PDB file of N, CA and C in Angstrom:
ATOM      1  N   UNK A   1     -14.356  17.033  32.407  1.00  0.00           N
ATOM      2  CA  UNK A   1     -14.590  15.637  32.147  1.00  0.00           C
ATOM      3  C   UNK A   1     -13.734  15.095  31.008  1.00  0.00           C
ATOM      4  N   UNK A   2     -12.766  15.840  30.557  1.00  0.00           N
ATOM      5  CA  UNK A   2     -11.921  15.361  29.469  1.00  0.00           C
ATOM      6  C   UNK A   2     -10.951  14.280  29.944  1.00  0.00           C
ATOM      7  N   UNK A   3     -10.847  14.063  31.266  1.00  0.00           N
ATOM      8  CA  UNK A   3      -9.959  13.028  31.791  1.00  0.00           C
ATOM      9  C   UNK A   3     -10.601  11.656  31.803  1.00  0.00           C
ATOM     10  N   UNK A   4     -11.865  11.540  31.446  1.00  0.00           N
ATOM     11  CA  UNK A   4     -12.576  10.266  31.481  1.00  0.00           C
ATOM     12  C   UNK A   4     -12.452   9.492  30.168  1.00  0.00           C
ATOM     13  N   UNK A   5     -11.316   9.538  29.539  1.00  0.00           N
ATOM     14  CA  UNK A   5     -11.120   8.804  28.296  1.00  0.00           C
ATOM     15  C   UNK A   5     -10.571   7.426  28.613  1.00  0.00           C
ATOM     16  N   UNK A   6     -10.993   6.455  27.820  1.00  0.00           N
ATOM     17  CA  UNK A   6     -10.509   5.096  28.060  1.00  0.00           C
ATOM     18  C   UNK A   6      -9.045   4.987  27.638  1.00  0.00           C
ATOM     19  N   UNK A   7      -8.246   4.270  28.402  1.00  0.00           N
ATOM     20  CA  UNK A   7      -6.814   4.164  28.074  1.00  0.00           C
ATOM     21  C   UNK A   7      -6.578   3.319  26.834  1.00  0.00           C
ATOM     22  N   UNK A   8      -5.600   3.701  26.049  1.00  0.00           N
ATOM     23  CA  UNK A   8      -5.205   2.937  24.865  1.00  0.00           C
ATOM     24  C   UNK A   8      -4.272   1.810  25.287  1.00  0.00           C
ATOM     25  N   UNK A   9      -4.331   0.723  24.554  1.00  0.00           N
ATOM     26  CA  UNK A   9      -3.381  -0.356  24.802  1.00  0.00           C
ATOM     27  C   UNK A   9      -2.003   0.078  24.357  1.00  0.00           C
ATOM     28  N   UNK A  10      -0.967  -0.520  24.916  1.00  0.00           N
ATOM     29  CA  UNK A  10       0.405  -0.157  24.588  1.00  0.00           C
ATOM     30  C   UNK A  10       0.740  -0.473  23.139  1.00  0.00           C
ATOM     31  N   UNK A  11       0.349  -1.634  22.638  1.00  0.00           N
ATOM     32  CA  UNK A  11       0.719  -2.053  21.298  1.00  0.00           C
ATOM     33  C   UNK A  11      -0.206  -1.548  20.201  1.00  0.00           C
ATOM     34  N   UNK A  12      -1.197  -0.761  20.558  1.00  0.00           N
ATOM     35  CA  UNK A  12      -2.177  -0.331  19.563  1.00  0.00           C
ATOM     36  C   UNK A  12      -1.557   0.579  18.505  1.00  0.00           C
ATOM     37  N   UNK A  13      -0.674   1.469  18.880  1.00  0.00           N
ATOM     38  CA  UNK A  13      -0.054   2.382  17.918  1.00  0.00           C
ATOM     39  C   UNK A  13       0.823   1.604  16.939  1.00  0.00           C
ATOM     40  N   UNK A  14       1.559   0.623  17.425  1.00  0.00           N
ATOM     41  CA  UNK A  14       2.399  -0.194  16.542  1.00  0.00           C
ATOM     42  C   UNK A  14       1.578  -1.057  15.606  1.00  0.00           C
ATOM     43  N   UNK A  15       0.483  -1.585  16.103  1.00  0.00           N
ATOM     44  CA  UNK A  15      -0.380  -2.408  15.258  1.00  0.00           C
ATOM     45  C   UNK A  15      -1.048  -1.561  14.189  1.00  0.00           C
ATOM     46  N   UNK A  16      -1.488  -0.366  14.541  1.00  0.00           N
ATOM     47  CA  UNK A  16      -2.109   0.517  13.552  1.00  0.00           C
ATOM     48  C   UNK A  16      -1.124   0.907  12.463  1.00  0.00           C
ATOM     49  N   UNK A  17       0.120   1.169  12.829  1.00  0.00           N
ATOM     50  CA  UNK A  17       1.136   1.500  11.830  1.00  0.00           C
ATOM     51  C   UNK A  17       1.405   0.301  10.928  1.00  0.00           C
ATOM     52  N   UNK A  18       1.393  -0.876  11.496  1.00  0.00           N
ATOM     53  CA  UNK A  18       1.600  -2.084  10.697  1.00  0.00           C
ATOM     54  C   UNK A  18       0.466  -2.327   9.719  1.00  0.00           C
ATOM     55  N   UNK A  19      -0.759  -2.149  10.184  1.00  0.00           N
ATOM     56  CA  UNK A  19      -1.909  -2.312   9.287  1.00  0.00           C
ATOM     57  C   UNK A  19      -1.929  -1.239   8.196  1.00  0.00           C
ATOM     58  N   UNK A  20      -1.502  -0.029   8.549  1.00  0.00           N
ATOM     59  CA  UNK A  20      -1.420   1.036   7.548  1.00  0.00           C
ATOM     60  C   UNK A  20      -0.386   0.693   6.487  1.00  0.00           C
ATOM     61  N   UNK A  21       0.780   0.230   6.917  1.00  0.00           N
ATOM     62  CA  UNK A  21       1.826  -0.154   5.972  1.00  0.00           C
ATOM     63  C   UNK A  21       1.365  -1.308   5.085  1.00  0.00           C
ATOM     64  N   UNK A  22       0.693  -2.279   5.662  1.00  0.00           N
ATOM     65  CA  UNK A  22       0.176  -3.404   4.884  1.00  0.00           C
ATOM     66  C   UNK A  22      -0.873  -2.947   3.881  1.00  0.00           C
ATOM     67  N   UNK A  23      -1.719  -2.015   4.286  1.00  0.00           N
ATOM     68  CA  UNK A  23      -2.731  -1.472   3.377  1.00  0.00           C
ATOM     69  C   UNK A  23      -2.109  -0.721   2.212  1.00  0.00           C
ATOM     70  N   UNK A  24      -1.079   0.083   2.500  1.00  0.00           N
ATOM     71  CA  UNK A  24      -0.378   0.784   1.417  1.00  0.00           C
ATOM     72  C   UNK A  24       0.237  -0.214   0.447  1.00  0.00           C
ATOM     73  N   UNK A  25       0.870  -1.245   0.977  1.00  0.00           N
ATOM     74  CA  UNK A  25       1.552  -2.216   0.126  1.00  0.00           C
ATOM     75  C   UNK A  25       0.565  -2.998  -0.738  1.00  0.00           C
ATOM     76  N   UNK A  26      -0.495  -3.509  -0.130  1.00  0.00           N
ATOM     77  CA  UNK A  26      -1.479  -4.269  -0.896  1.00  0.00           C
ATOM     78  C   UNK A  26      -2.235  -3.378  -1.881  1.00  0.00           C
ATOM     79  N   UNK A  27      -2.563  -2.164  -1.457  1.00  0.00           N
ATOM     80  CA  UNK A  27      -3.273  -1.246  -2.343  1.00  0.00           C
ATOM     81  C   UNK A  27      -2.440  -0.827  -3.536  1.00  0.00           C
ATOM     82  N   UNK A  28      -1.173  -0.527  -3.306  1.00  0.00           N
ATOM     83  CA  UNK A  28      -0.298  -0.132  -4.408  1.00  0.00           C
ATOM     84  C   UNK A  28      -0.110  -1.241  -5.419  1.00  0.00           C
ATOM     85  N   UNK A  29       0.111  -2.447  -4.930  1.00  0.00           N
ATOM     86  CA  UNK A  29       0.286  -3.591  -5.823  1.00  0.00           C
ATOM     87  C   UNK A  29      -1.002  -3.857  -6.596  1.00  0.00           C
ATOM     88  N   UNK A  30      -2.140  -3.802  -5.919  1.00  0.00           N
ATOM     89  CA  UNK A  30      -3.413  -4.102  -6.581  1.00  0.00           C
ATOM     90  C   UNK A  30      -3.774  -3.049  -7.632  1.00  0.00           C
ATOM     91  N   UNK A  31      -3.666  -1.777  -7.272  1.00  0.00           N
ATOM     92  CA  UNK A  31      -4.067  -0.711  -8.199  1.00  0.00           C
ATOM     93  C   UNK A  31      -3.136  -0.650  -9.406  1.00  0.00           C
ATOM     94  N   UNK A  32      -1.839  -0.597  -9.172  1.00  0.00           N
ATOM     95  CA  UNK A  32      -0.896  -0.498 -10.293  1.00  0.00           C
ATOM     96  C   UNK A  32      -0.833  -1.780 -11.107  1.00  0.00           C
ATOM     97  N   UNK A  33      -0.998  -2.924 -10.448  1.00  0.00           N
ATOM     98  CA  UNK A  33      -1.066  -4.179 -11.199  1.00  0.00           C
ATOM     99  C   UNK A  33      -2.283  -4.231 -12.100  1.00  0.00           C
ATOM    100  N   UNK A  34      -3.420  -3.757 -11.588  1.00  0.00           N
ATOM    101  CA  UNK A  34      -4.632  -3.718 -12.403  1.00  0.00           C
ATOM    102  C   UNK A  34      -4.478  -2.763 -13.588  1.00  0.00           C
ATOM    103  N   UNK A  35      -3.869  -1.600 -13.347  1.00  0.00           N
ATOM    104  CA  UNK A  35      -3.639  -0.667 -14.449  1.00  0.00           C
ATOM    105  C   UNK A  35      -2.696  -1.259 -15.495  1.00  0.00           C
ATOM    106  N   UNK A  36      -1.687  -1.988 -15.048  1.00  0.00           N
ATOM    107  CA  UNK A  36      -0.798  -2.665 -15.991  1.00  0.00           C
ATOM    108  C   UNK A  36      -1.517  -3.740 -16.777  1.00  0.00           C
ATOM    109  N   UNK A  37      -2.406  -4.466 -16.115  1.00  0.00           N
ATOM    110  CA  UNK A  37      -3.193  -5.489 -16.795  1.00  0.00           C
ATOM    111  C   UNK A  37      -4.119  -4.853 -17.840  1.00  0.00           C
ATOM    112  N   UNK A  38      -4.733  -3.715 -17.480  1.00  0.00           N
ATOM    113  CA  UNK A  38      -5.576  -3.006 -18.446  1.00  0.00           C
ATOM    114  C   UNK A  38      -4.762  -2.548 -19.657  1.00  0.00           C
ATOM    115  N   UNK A  39      -3.568  -2.056 -19.410  1.00  0.00           N
ATOM    116  CA  UNK A  39      -2.705  -1.630 -20.501  1.00  0.00           C
ATOM    117  C   UNK A  39      -2.330  -2.815 -21.396  1.00  0.00           C
ATOM    118  N   UNK A  40      -2.059  -3.954 -20.790  1.00  0.00           N
ATOM    119  CA  UNK A  40      -1.769  -5.166 -21.563  1.00  0.00           C
ATOM    120  C   UNK A  40      -2.941  -5.564 -22.446  1.00  0.00           C
ATOM    121  N   UNK A  41      -4.129  -5.569 -21.868  1.00  0.00           N
ATOM    122  CA  UNK A  41      -5.288  -5.994 -22.647  1.00  0.00           C
ATOM    123  C   UNK A  41      -5.645  -4.979 -23.732  1.00  0.00           C
ATOM    124  N   UNK A  42      -5.385  -3.707 -23.487  1.00  0.00           N
ATOM    125  CA  UNK A  42      -5.678  -2.669 -24.464  1.00  0.00           C
ATOM    126  C   UNK A  42      -4.694  -2.713 -25.631  1.00  0.00           C
ATOM    127  N   UNK A  43      -3.397  -2.926 -25.324  1.00  0.00           N
ATOM    128  CA  UNK A  43      -2.372  -2.932 -26.361  1.00  0.00           C
ATOM    129  C   UNK A  43      -2.029  -4.326 -26.882  1.00  0.00           C
ATOM    130  N   UNK A  44      -2.530  -5.357 -26.237  1.00  0.00           N
ATOM    131  CA  UNK A  44      -2.252  -6.722 -26.660  1.00  0.00           C
ATOM    132  C   UNK A  44      -0.845  -7.179 -26.330  1.00  0.00           C
ATOM    133  N   UNK A  45      -0.288  -6.700 -25.238  1.00  0.00           N
ATOM    134  CA  UNK A  45       1.072  -7.070 -24.825  1.00  0.00           C
ATOM    135  C   UNK A  45       1.053  -8.363 -24.015  1.00  0.00           C
ATOM    136  N   UNK A  46       2.145  -9.103 -24.011  1.00  0.00           N
ATOM    137  CA  UNK A  46       2.194 -10.366 -23.256  1.00  0.00           C
ATOM    138  C   UNK A  46       2.629 -10.157 -21.792  1.00  0.00           C
ATOM    139  N   UNK A  47       1.797  -9.572 -20.976  1.00  0.00           N
ATOM    140  CA  UNK A  47       1.982  -9.391 -19.528  1.00  0.00           C
ATOM    141  C   UNK A  47       3.141  -8.481 -19.151  1.00  0.00           C
ATOM    142  N   UNK A  48       3.630  -7.674 -20.067  1.00  0.00           N
ATOM    143  CA  UNK A  48       4.701  -6.738 -19.738  1.00  0.00           C
ATOM    144  C   UNK A  48       4.164  -5.605 -18.865  1.00  0.00           C
ATOM    145  N   UNK A  49       3.010  -5.096 -19.198  1.00  0.00           N
ATOM    146  CA  UNK A  49       2.400  -4.023 -18.406  1.00  0.00           C
ATOM    147  C   UNK A  49       2.032  -4.485 -17.008  1.00  0.00           C
ATOM    148  N   UNK A  50       1.580  -5.710 -16.882  1.00  0.00           N
ATOM    149  CA  UNK A  50       1.233  -6.258 -15.567  1.00  0.00           C
ATOM    150  C   UNK A  50       2.457  -6.325 -14.675  1.00  0.00           C
ATOM    151  N   UNK A  51       3.531  -6.864 -15.196  1.00  0.00           N
ATOM    152  CA  UNK A  51       4.758  -6.991 -14.408  1.00  0.00           C
ATOM    153  C   UNK A  51       5.294  -5.609 -14.051  1.00  0.00           C
ATOM    154  N   UNK A  52       5.284  -4.700 -15.005  1.00  0.00           N
ATOM    155  CA  UNK A  52       5.747  -3.342 -14.750  1.00  0.00           C
ATOM    156  C   UNK A  52       4.850  -2.652 -13.726  1.00  0.00           C
ATOM    157  N   UNK A  53       3.556  -2.865 -13.829  1.00  0.00           N
ATOM    158  CA  UNK A  53       2.626  -2.290 -12.859  1.00  0.00           C
ATOM    159  C   UNK A  53       2.843  -2.818 -11.457  1.00  0.00           C
ATOM    160  N   UNK A  54       3.106  -4.109 -11.332  1.00  0.00           N
ATOM    161  CA  UNK A  54       3.370  -4.685 -10.017  1.00  0.00           C
ATOM    162  C   UNK A  54       4.645  -4.123  -9.403  1.00  0.00           C
ATOM    163  N   UNK A  55       5.671  -3.960 -10.222  1.00  0.00           N
ATOM    164  CA  UNK A  55       6.935  -3.411  -9.719  1.00  0.00           C
ATOM    165  C   UNK A  55       6.769  -1.944  -9.324  1.00  0.00           C
ATOM    166  N   UNK A  56       6.102  -1.172 -10.168  1.00  0.00           N
ATOM    167  CA  UNK A  56       5.878   0.243  -9.860  1.00  0.00           C
ATOM    168  C   UNK A  56       4.996   0.391  -8.626  1.00  0.00           C
ATOM    169  N   UNK A  57       3.970  -0.438  -8.506  1.00  0.00           N
ATOM    170  CA  UNK A  57       3.094  -0.387  -7.338  1.00  0.00           C
ATOM    171  C   UNK A  57       3.816  -0.715  -6.048  1.00  0.00           C
ATOM    172  N   UNK A  58       4.698  -1.698  -6.104  1.00  0.00           N
ATOM    173  CA  UNK A  58       5.478  -2.057  -4.918  1.00  0.00           C
ATOM    174  C   UNK A  58       6.417  -0.925  -4.534  1.00  0.00           C
ATOM    175  N   UNK A  59       7.103  -0.361  -5.526  1.00  0.00           N
ATOM    176  CA  UNK A  59       8.033   0.733  -5.245  1.00  0.00           C
ATOM    177  C   UNK A  59       7.303   1.961  -4.706  1.00  0.00           C
ATOM    178  N   UNK A  60       6.164   2.290  -5.281  1.00  0.00           N
ATOM    179  CA  UNK A  60       5.393   3.440  -4.810  1.00  0.00           C
ATOM    180  C   UNK A  60       4.882   3.215  -3.390  1.00  0.00           C
ATOM    181  N   UNK A  61       4.457   1.994  -3.092  1.00  0.00           N
ATOM    182  CA  UNK A  61       3.970   1.685  -1.748  1.00  0.00           C
ATOM    183  C   UNK A  61       5.096   1.774  -0.721  1.00  0.00           C
ATOM    184  N   UNK A  62       6.257   1.275  -1.055  1.00  0.00           N
ATOM    185  CA  UNK A  62       7.393   1.362  -0.133  1.00  0.00           C
ATOM    186  C   UNK A  62       7.780   2.819   0.090  1.00  0.00           C
ATOM    187  N   UNK A  63       7.754   3.616  -0.978  1.00  0.00           N
ATOM    188  CA  UNK A  63       8.035   5.046  -0.834  1.00  0.00           C
ATOM    189  C   UNK A  63       7.040   5.704   0.122  1.00  0.00           C
ATOM    190  N   UNK A  64       5.737   5.413  -0.041  1.00  0.00           N
ATOM    191  CA  UNK A  64       4.726   5.993   0.848  1.00  0.00           C
ATOM    192  C   UNK A  64       4.890   5.540   2.280  1.00  0.00           C
ATOM    193  N   UNK A  65       5.248   4.289   2.481  1.00  0.00           N
ATOM    194  CA  UNK A  65       5.435   3.772   3.833  1.00  0.00           C
ATOM    195  C   UNK A  65       6.578   4.513   4.514  1.00  0.00           C
ATOM    196  N   UNK A  66       7.682   4.672   3.814  1.00  0.00           N
ATOM    197  CA  UNK A  66       8.832   5.368   4.403  1.00  0.00           C
ATOM    198  C   UNK A  66       8.520   6.844   4.605  1.00  0.00           C
ATOM    199  N   UNK A  67       7.860   7.460   3.664  1.00  0.00           N
ATOM    200  CA  UNK A  67       7.558   8.898   3.723  1.00  0.00           C
ATOM    201  C   UNK A  67       6.559   9.215   4.833  1.00  0.00           C
ATOM    202  N   UNK A  68       5.480   8.459   4.931  1.00  0.00           N
ATOM    203  CA  UNK A  68       4.421   8.793   5.881  1.00  0.00           C
ATOM    204  C   UNK A  68       4.595   8.176   7.260  1.00  0.00           C
ATOM    205  N   UNK A  69       5.190   6.996   7.314  1.00  0.00           N
ATOM    206  CA  UNK A  69       5.323   6.327   8.613  1.00  0.00           C
ATOM    207  C   UNK A  69       6.714   6.447   9.196  1.00  0.00           C
ATOM    208  N   UNK A  70       7.670   6.860   8.401  1.00  0.00           N
ATOM    209  CA  UNK A  70       9.034   7.025   8.889  1.00  0.00           C
ATOM    210  C   UNK A  70       9.701   5.724   9.292  1.00  0.00           C
ATOM    211  N   UNK A  71       9.342   4.647   8.591  1.00  0.00           N
ATOM    212  CA  UNK A  71       9.905   3.339   8.947  1.00  0.00           C
ATOM    213  C   UNK A  71      11.271   3.135   8.331  1.00  0.00           C
TER     214      UNK A  71
END
């Protein structure tokens, strides 16, 4: 009875990869941006940590997207 599986849609694999890539990108920006903001508030810096966190988060997310999804 292993043949009674419902068929997958053709575009489902591409959509899942797109949502995964979007999740990595938004998650990286949010987490690293928040950590940069915390560093700014702890050290009293004028948004330098926030900007650096956003850049690092974006770069890390792009690295993960290329590494895991092969895009």
